């Protein structure tokens, strides 16, 4: 990344992948554990980055609150027990049921007695599961912003621990691709199907066509690992070139998919100009020519040696600053004369002296 503003057509996804992948060579491949018996196992280094970008459930995951409310902590034989007393009321005006969580015996609590928590907050140390966090925050109608910020922060934590500085925008671009898909719950009056995996922008566009006349489609947000996100792309050519080629092409044939060749990979595969940088349609109609009109005769080449020498002599005759043909040993109809004495003056050409042949002992027949 150069730090400069991007232009339309820049391949920002490739830049982001390179900006994250190249410094990744400096990360350690080892998995460390926190000191002491009571500490939770926490993955560090490159395995932690892979764990985040593949949206896997982390080892030693923290327990997350499913509801918002006030915390009550009790000790038990099995370990600390956390009870959340919700402050909100249900539709009938009654208090919501409280929720109890049994935590492992040897764990460090992140909440205190009487603390107010929200859905998705962690009770104890450990990494939060991105899938669970997104689900809980969505139920609380908080959106996906907190999940995105958490993922960016976790990736930055790994790189900064190794002294590597990466701009947030590169990580945000990868996270955006992981969260771009949604699952349709109710299709409403749209052309979507229940259970369909679709881009969120496509669902919003379908709902926008209905305006207030029809029933809108409802959906739930999803978080996909970068491998699944690559296979779930709209282009079956791009997906087939990545993984599971036979399965991707078979599914595409069954569904009758059409590839509109909007991405880079699919255009490279069929040998077309990629729709990026100067390959964009907006640049294809540009005619390139000289800035000023140049007379046609200046592009003509001399037909004979005499014309070439005459042109060179004309150039050399301007105030004596050009090419001196005599110094070069060039004359009309003649050939360059070489300086044999090394004094800078042309010399007369002479015939080459014939070198006598010498009989070699190797030519004699062997006895």
Protein backbone atom coordinates (compact mmCIF):
# COMPACT_ATOMS: atom_id res chain seq x y z
CA UNK A 1 0.00 0.00 0.00
CA UNK A 2 1.29 3.45 -0.90
CA UNK A 3 -0.91 5.51 1.41
CA UNK A 4 -2.40 7.38 -1.56
CA UNK A 5 -6.09 7.57 -2.42
CA UNK A 6 -7.53 4.84 -4.62
CA UNK A 7 -9.01 5.34 -8.05
CA UNK A 8 -11.88 3.57 -9.76
CA UNK A 9 -10.59 0.23 -10.99
CA UNK A 10 -7.84 -0.28 -8.41
CA UNK A 11 -7.64 -3.92 -7.25
CA UNK A 12 -7.94 -3.07 -3.56
CA UNK A 13 -8.72 -6.69 -2.63
CA UNK A 14 -5.39 -7.91 -3.98
CA UNK A 15 -3.57 -5.04 -2.27
CA UNK A 16 -5.28 -5.91 1.03
CA UNK A 17 -4.40 -9.61 0.72
CA UNK A 18 -0.77 -8.81 -0.02
CA UNK A 19 -0.57 -6.25 2.80
CA UNK A 20 -1.80 -8.89 5.28
CA UNK A 21 -0.08 -11.96 3.80
CA UNK A 22 3.45 -10.58 3.31
CA UNK A 23 3.92 -9.44 6.95
CA UNK A 24 2.41 -12.78 7.97
CA UNK A 25 5.78 -14.35 7.20
CA UNK A 26 7.08 -12.59 10.31
CA UNK A 27 4.51 -14.21 12.59
CA UNK A 28 5.39 -17.23 14.66
CA UNK A 29 3.90 -20.62 13.86
CA UNK A 30 3.93 -21.71 17.50
CA UNK A 31 0.90 -21.84 19.77
CA UNK A 32 1.60 -20.31 23.18
CA UNK A 33 -0.29 -20.79 26.42
CA UNK A 34 -0.72 -18.30 29.23
CA UNK A 35 1.45 -18.96 32.23
CA UNK A 36 0.11 -20.82 35.22
CA UNK A 37 -2.30 -23.70 35.60
CA UNK A 38 -5.31 -21.42 35.92
CA UNK A 39 -4.72 -19.70 32.59
CA UNK A 40 -6.79 -20.45 29.50
CA UNK A 41 -5.21 -21.83 26.35
CA UNK A 42 -4.93 -18.94 23.90
CA UNK A 43 -3.74 -19.37 20.31
CA UNK A 44 -1.20 -16.82 19.06
CA UNK A 45 0.69 -16.07 15.90
CA UNK A 46 -0.28 -17.22 12.45
CA UNK A 47 -2.65 -19.98 13.69
CA UNK A 48 -4.71 -17.30 15.44
CA UNK A 49 -4.97 -15.23 12.22
CA UNK A 50 -6.11 -18.34 10.33
CA UNK A 51 -8.62 -19.07 13.11
CA UNK A 52 -10.10 -15.56 12.77
CA UNK A 53 -10.24 -15.41 8.96
CA UNK A 54 -11.77 -18.89 8.75
CA UNK A 55 -14.38 -17.88 11.38
CA UNK A 56 -13.69 -20.99 13.47
CA UNK A 57 -14.81 -21.50 17.05
CA UNK A 58 -11.72 -20.62 19.10
CA UNK A 59 -10.13 -22.96 21.62
CA UNK A 60 -11.01 -22.05 25.19
CA UNK A 61 -13.78 -19.73 24.00
CA UNK A 62 -15.26 -17.27 26.49
CA UNK A 63 -18.87 -17.61 27.69
CA UNK A 64 -21.03 -14.84 26.24
CA UNK A 65 -24.15 -13.31 27.74
CA UNK A 66 -27.31 -14.02 25.76
CA UNK A 67 -29.33 -11.21 27.35
CA UNK A 68 -28.67 -7.80 28.82
CA UNK A 69 -28.98 -7.07 32.50
CA UNK A 70 -27.23 -6.97 35.87
CA UNK A 71 -24.70 -9.61 36.93
CA UNK A 72 -24.88 -11.65 40.14
CA UNK A 73 -21.88 -13.88 40.90
CA UNK A 74 -21.99 -16.89 43.23
CA UNK A 75 -19.34 -19.48 44.13
CA UNK A 76 -20.14 -23.16 43.80
CA UNK A 77 -18.29 -26.48 43.95
CA UNK A 78 -18.13 -26.60 40.14
CA UNK A 79 -16.84 -23.05 39.83
CA UNK A 80 -18.30 -19.53 39.66
CA UNK A 81 -21.97 -19.27 38.68
CA UNK A 82 -23.08 -16.07 36.95
CA UNK A 83 -26.74 -15.05 36.89
CA UNK A 84 -27.97 -12.22 34.67
CA UNK A 85 -31.10 -10.39 35.84
CA UNK A 86 -32.58 -8.59 32.84
CA UNK A 87 -33.79 -5.01 33.19
CA UNK A 88 -36.03 -5.14 30.12
CA UNK A 89 -39.66 -6.27 30.04
CA UNK A 90 -41.41 -8.53 27.56
CA UNK A 91 -44.38 -7.54 25.36
CA UNK A 92 -46.85 -8.15 28.19
CA UNK A 93 -44.93 -5.93 30.60
CA UNK A 94 -43.53 -8.82 32.66
CA UNK A 95 -39.81 -9.08 33.51
CA UNK A 96 -37.84 -11.38 31.21
CA UNK A 97 -36.60 -14.65 32.75
CA UNK A 98 -33.13 -14.55 34.28
CA UNK A 99 -30.30 -16.58 32.80
CA UNK A 100 -27.67 -18.64 34.64
CA UNK A 101 -24.19 -19.55 33.37
CA UNK A 102 -21.88 -22.11 34.98
CA UNK A 103 -18.26 -21.20 34.31
CA UNK A 104 -15.16 -23.44 34.58
CA UNK A 105 -13.60 -23.64 38.01
CA UNK A 106 -10.21 -22.25 37.06
CA UNK A 107 -11.06 -19.21 34.99
CA UNK A 108 -10.58 -15.48 35.40
CA UNK A 109 -13.78 -13.43 35.48
CA UNK A 110 -14.07 -10.27 33.41
CA UNK A 111 -17.25 -9.02 35.13
CA UNK A 112 -17.89 -7.87 38.69
CA UNK A 113 -20.84 -8.11 41.05
CA UNK A 114 -23.71 -5.84 39.96
CA UNK A 115 -22.11 -4.93 36.61
CA UNK A 116 -24.43 -4.19 33.69
CA UNK A 117 -23.80 -6.39 30.64
CA UNK A 118 -25.19 -6.46 27.11
CA UNK A 119 -25.81 -9.41 24.77
CA UNK A 120 -22.46 -10.65 23.45
CA UNK A 121 -20.36 -9.47 26.42
CA UNK A 122 -17.86 -12.04 27.76
CA UNK A 123 -18.03 -13.24 31.38
CA UNK A 124 -14.56 -14.80 31.50
CA UNK A 125 -11.24 -14.67 29.69
CA UNK A 126 -10.84 -16.28 26.30
CA UNK A 127 -11.59 -15.47 22.68
CA UNK A 128 -15.16 -14.74 21.66
CA UNK A 129 -16.70 -16.88 18.94
CA UNK A 130 -17.40 -14.57 15.96
CA UNK A 131 -20.44 -16.59 14.88
CA UNK A 132 -22.00 -16.52 18.35
CA UNK A 133 -21.18 -12.84 18.82
CA UNK A 134 -22.82 -11.90 15.51
CA UNK A 135 -25.91 -13.97 16.34
CA UNK A 136 -26.34 -12.42 19.80
CA UNK A 137 -25.78 -8.86 18.60
CA UNK A 138 -28.24 -9.39 15.75
CA UNK A 139 -30.94 -10.63 18.13
CA UNK A 140 -30.37 -7.50 20.20
CA UNK A 141 -30.77 -5.46 16.97
CA UNK A 142 -27.27 -4.04 17.36
CA UNK A 143 -26.09 -4.93 13.85
CA UNK A 144 -22.75 -6.40 12.80
CA UNK A 145 -20.51 -3.41 13.57
CA UNK A 146 -19.29 -4.71 16.93
CA UNK A 147 -18.42 -8.10 15.42
CA UNK A 148 -16.45 -6.41 12.66
CA UNK A 149 -14.56 -4.22 15.14
CA UNK A 150 -13.80 -7.25 17.31
CA UNK A 151 -12.36 -9.21 14.37
CA UNK A 152 -10.23 -6.27 13.23
CA UNK A 153 -8.95 -5.76 16.77
CA UNK A 154 -8.06 -9.44 17.19
CA UNK A 155 -6.07 -9.53 13.94
CA UNK A 156 -4.27 -6.31 14.85
CA UNK A 157 -3.45 -7.73 18.28
CA UNK A 158 -1.59 -10.65 16.68
CA UNK A 159 0.41 -8.52 14.25
CA UNK A 160 1.26 -5.79 16.77
CA UNK A 161 2.54 -8.41 19.21
CA UNK A 162 5.20 -9.18 16.57
CA UNK A 163 5.90 -5.51 15.85
CA UNK A 164 4.10 -5.49 12.49
CA UNK A 165 2.05 -2.40 11.62
CA UNK A 166 -0.88 -2.89 9.20
CA UNK A 167 -3.52 -0.33 8.31
CA UNK A 168 -7.02 -1.21 9.48
CA UNK A 169 -8.47 -0.72 5.99
CA UNK A 170 -6.82 -3.90 4.66
CA UNK A 171 -8.26 -6.06 7.42
CA UNK A 172 -11.64 -4.33 7.14
CA UNK A 173 -11.77 -5.21 3.44
CA UNK A 174 -11.30 -8.92 4.20
CA UNK A 175 -13.88 -8.80 7.04
CA UNK A 176 -16.35 -7.13 4.67
CA UNK A 177 -16.11 -10.08 2.30
CA UNK A 178 -16.69 -12.48 5.19
CA UNK A 179 -19.90 -10.68 6.19
CA UNK A 180 -21.35 -9.89 2.75
CA UNK A 181 -23.65 -12.94 2.61
CA UNK A 182 -27.04 -13.35 4.34
CA UNK A 183 -29.51 -16.22 4.53
CA UNK A 184 -33.07 -15.45 3.44
CA UNK A 185 -35.66 -16.43 6.10
CA UNK A 186 -38.91 -15.23 4.51
CA UNK A 187 -38.92 -14.34 0.83
CA UNK A 188 -41.99 -12.09 1.05
CA UNK A 189 -42.99 -10.71 -2.36
CA UNK A 190 -39.44 -10.74 -3.73
CA UNK A 191 -37.95 -13.16 -6.25
CA UNK A 192 -35.70 -14.69 -3.58
CA UNK A 193 -36.12 -18.17 -2.10
CA UNK A 194 -36.31 -19.07 1.62
CA UNK A 195 -32.96 -20.45 2.79
CA UNK A 196 -31.12 -18.92 -0.16
CA UNK A 197 -27.59 -17.62 0.39
CA UNK A 198 -27.46 -14.16 -1.20
CA UNK A 199 -25.47 -10.96 -1.09
CA UNK A 200 -26.87 -8.44 1.37
CA UNK A 201 -26.81 -5.78 -1.36
CA UNK A 202 -28.96 -8.02 -3.58
CA UNK A 203 -31.54 -8.52 -0.81
CA UNK A 204 -31.62 -4.79 -0.11
CA UNK A 205 -32.07 -4.11 -3.83
CA UNK A 206 -34.97 -6.58 -4.05
CA UNK A 207 -36.63 -5.02 -1.02
CA UNK A 208 -36.06 -1.56 -2.48
CA UNK A 209 -38.01 -2.49 -5.62
CA UNK A 210 -41.09 -3.27 -3.51
CA UNK A 211 -40.97 -0.01 -1.57
CA UNK A 212 -44.12 -0.01 0.60
CA UNK A 213 -46.39 -2.01 -1.69
CA UNK A 214 -45.35 -5.60 -0.95
CA UNK A 215 -43.96 -7.72 1.87
CA UNK A 216 -40.22 -7.40 2.27
CA UNK A 217 -37.84 -10.34 2.53
CA UNK A 218 -36.36 -11.05 5.95
CA UNK A 219 -32.87 -12.44 6.43
CA UNK A 220 -30.23 -13.28 9.01
CA UNK A 221 -26.60 -12.15 8.68
CA UNK A 222 -23.89 -14.77 8.29
CA UNK A 223 -20.16 -14.83 8.82
CA UNK A 224 -18.24 -17.06 6.42
CA UNK A 225 -14.59 -18.00 6.52
CA UNK A 226 -12.54 -16.74 3.61
CA UNK A 227 -12.49 -20.24 2.07
CA UNK A 228 -16.28 -20.60 2.14
CA UNK A 229 -16.71 -16.98 1.05
CA UNK A 230 -14.54 -17.64 -2.02
CA UNK A 231 -16.60 -20.71 -2.93
CA UNK A 232 -19.86 -18.78 -2.43
CA UNK A 233 -18.99 -16.17 -5.04
CA UNK A 234 -21.43 -15.42 -7.87
CA UNK A 235 -18.88 -16.49 -10.49
CA UNK A 236 -18.68 -20.28 -10.83
CA UNK A 237 -15.50 -19.95 -12.93
CA UNK A 238 -13.77 -18.13 -10.08
CA UNK A 239 -15.01 -20.65 -7.51
CA UNK A 240 -14.02 -23.64 -9.68
CA UNK A 241 -10.48 -22.32 -10.06
CA UNK A 242 -10.17 -22.10 -6.27
CA UNK A 243 -11.31 -25.39 -4.70
CA UNK A 244 -13.73 -28.29 -5.20
CA UNK A 245 -13.71 -27.87 -8.98
CA UNK A 246 -15.92 -30.88 -9.78
CA UNK A 247 -18.55 -29.99 -7.18
CA UNK A 248 -18.66 -26.32 -8.18
CA UNK A 249 -19.07 -27.07 -11.90
CA UNK A 250 -21.66 -29.80 -11.23
CA UNK A 251 -23.76 -27.48 -9.04
CA UNK A 252 -23.45 -24.68 -11.59
CA UNK A 253 -24.68 -27.00 -14.37
CA UNK A 254 -27.63 -28.23 -12.27
CA UNK A 255 -28.66 -24.68 -11.37
CA UNK A 256 -28.09 -23.36 -14.90
CA UNK A 257 -25.82 -20.60 -13.67
CA UNK A 258 -24.58 -17.83 -15.94
CA UNK A 259 -21.19 -16.21 -15.31
CA UNK A 260 -21.30 -12.52 -16.22
CA UNK A 261 -17.48 -12.22 -16.02
CA UNK A 262 -17.47 -9.30 -13.60
CA UNK A 263 -14.36 -10.28 -11.61
CA UNK A 264 -10.66 -10.59 -12.35
CA UNK A 265 -10.10 -14.35 -12.10
CA UNK A 266 -12.84 -15.39 -14.50
CA UNK A 267 -11.57 -12.95 -17.15
CA UNK A 268 -8.01 -14.23 -16.76
CA UNK A 269 -9.26 -17.81 -17.19
CA UNK A 270 -10.91 -17.12 -20.57
CA UNK A 271 -8.18 -14.73 -21.71
CA UNK A 272 -10.16 -11.49 -21.69
CA UNK A 273 -8.96 -8.07 -20.57
CA UNK A 274 -9.49 -7.80 -16.81
CA UNK A 275 -12.04 -5.16 -15.69
CA UNK A 276 -9.53 -3.28 -13.55
CA UNK A 277 -7.15 -0.35 -13.91
CA UNK A 278 -6.75 0.54 -17.62
CA UNK A 279 -8.82 -2.53 -18.56
CA UNK A 280 -12.03 -0.79 -17.49
CA UNK A 281 -14.56 0.03 -20.21
CA UNK A 282 -14.19 3.75 -19.53
CA UNK A 283 -10.58 3.59 -20.79
CA UNK A 284 -11.10 1.32 -23.81
CA UNK A 285 -12.43 4.06 -26.11
CA UNK A 286 -9.46 6.40 -25.59
CA UNK A 287 -7.43 7.09 -28.75
CA UNK A 288 -3.73 7.70 -28.18
CA UNK A 289 -1.94 10.01 -30.62
CA UNK A 290 0.71 12.75 -30.79
CA UNK A 291 0.04 15.84 -28.73
CA UNK A 292 0.80 18.19 -31.69
CA UNK A 293 0.25 17.61 -35.38
CA UNK A 294 3.54 16.56 -37.01
CA UNK A 295 4.13 16.85 -40.79
CA UNK A 296 4.02 13.49 -42.50
CA UNK A 297 7.37 13.98 -44.30
CA UNK A 298 9.18 13.99 -40.97
CA UNK A 299 8.16 10.36 -40.48
CA UNK A 300 9.59 9.35 -43.93
CA UNK A 301 12.83 7.34 -44.06
CA UNK A 302 15.65 8.15 -46.56
CA UNK A 303 15.49 5.95 -49.63
CA UNK A 304 19.18 6.00 -50.46
CA UNK A 305 22.48 6.28 -48.66
CA UNK A 306 23.11 9.62 -50.38
CA UNK A 307 19.91 11.10 -48.95
CA UNK A 308 20.87 9.90 -45.47
CA UNK A 309 24.36 11.44 -45.71
CA UNK A 310 22.90 14.64 -47.09
CA UNK A 311 20.53 14.86 -44.14
CA UNK A 312 23.40 14.24 -41.72
CA UNK A 313 25.52 16.91 -43.44
CA UNK A 314 22.64 19.36 -43.23
CA UNK A 315 22.35 18.71 -39.51
CA UNK A 316 26.11 19.18 -39.07
CA UNK A 317 26.17 22.49 -40.96
CA UNK A 318 24.07 24.41 -38.43
CA UNK A 319 26.53 26.71 -36.58
CA UNK A 320 29.02 23.84 -36.48
CA UNK A 321 27.24 22.23 -33.52
CA UNK A 322 25.94 19.17 -35.32
CA UNK A 323 27.56 16.10 -36.87
CA UNK A 324 30.94 16.60 -38.61
CA UNK A 325 30.89 14.10 -41.47
CA UNK A 326 34.55 14.59 -42.34
CA UNK A 327 35.61 13.75 -38.79
CA UNK A 328 33.59 10.55 -39.05
CA UNK A 329 35.17 9.68 -42.36
CA UNK A 330 31.81 9.76 -44.21
CA UNK A 331 31.60 10.93 -47.82
CA UNK A 332 28.91 10.74 -50.45
CA UNK A 333 28.83 7.27 -51.93
CA UNK A 334 31.73 6.16 -49.76
CA UNK A 335 32.10 4.02 -46.68
CA UNK A 336 33.38 4.99 -43.23
CA UNK A 337 37.15 5.22 -43.07
CA UNK A 338 38.73 3.88 -39.89
CA UNK A 339 41.47 5.52 -37.91
CA UNK A 340 44.38 3.05 -37.84
CA UNK A 341 46.93 5.40 -36.22
CA UNK A 342 44.74 6.39 -33.32
CA UNK A 343 45.38 10.13 -33.93
CA UNK A 344 41.75 10.91 -34.79
CA UNK A 345 42.49 11.54 -38.51
CA UNK A 346 41.00 9.36 -41.25
CA UNK A 347 43.45 7.18 -43.16
CA UNK A 348 43.42 5.73 -46.63
CA UNK A 349 42.11 2.24 -46.88
CA UNK A 350 44.65 -0.40 -47.95
CA UNK A 351 44.34 -3.94 -49.14
CA UNK A 352 44.72 -6.64 -46.53
CA UNK A 353 48.04 -8.54 -46.56
CA UNK A 354 47.69 -12.20 -47.33
CA UNK A 355 48.76 -14.40 -44.41
CA UNK A 356 50.80 -17.43 -45.50
CA UNK A 357 49.58 -20.84 -44.52
CA UNK A 358 51.68 -22.80 -42.03
CA UNK A 359 51.73 -26.55 -41.94
CA UNK A 360 50.68 -27.90 -38.59
CA UNK A 361 52.21 -31.06 -37.10
CA UNK A 362 48.70 -32.20 -36.41
CA UNK A 363 48.02 -32.38 -40.13
CA UNK A 364 50.73 -35.03 -40.68
CA UNK A 365 49.47 -38.57 -41.06
CA UNK A 366 50.21 -40.79 -38.11
CA UNK A 367 52.41 -43.84 -38.56
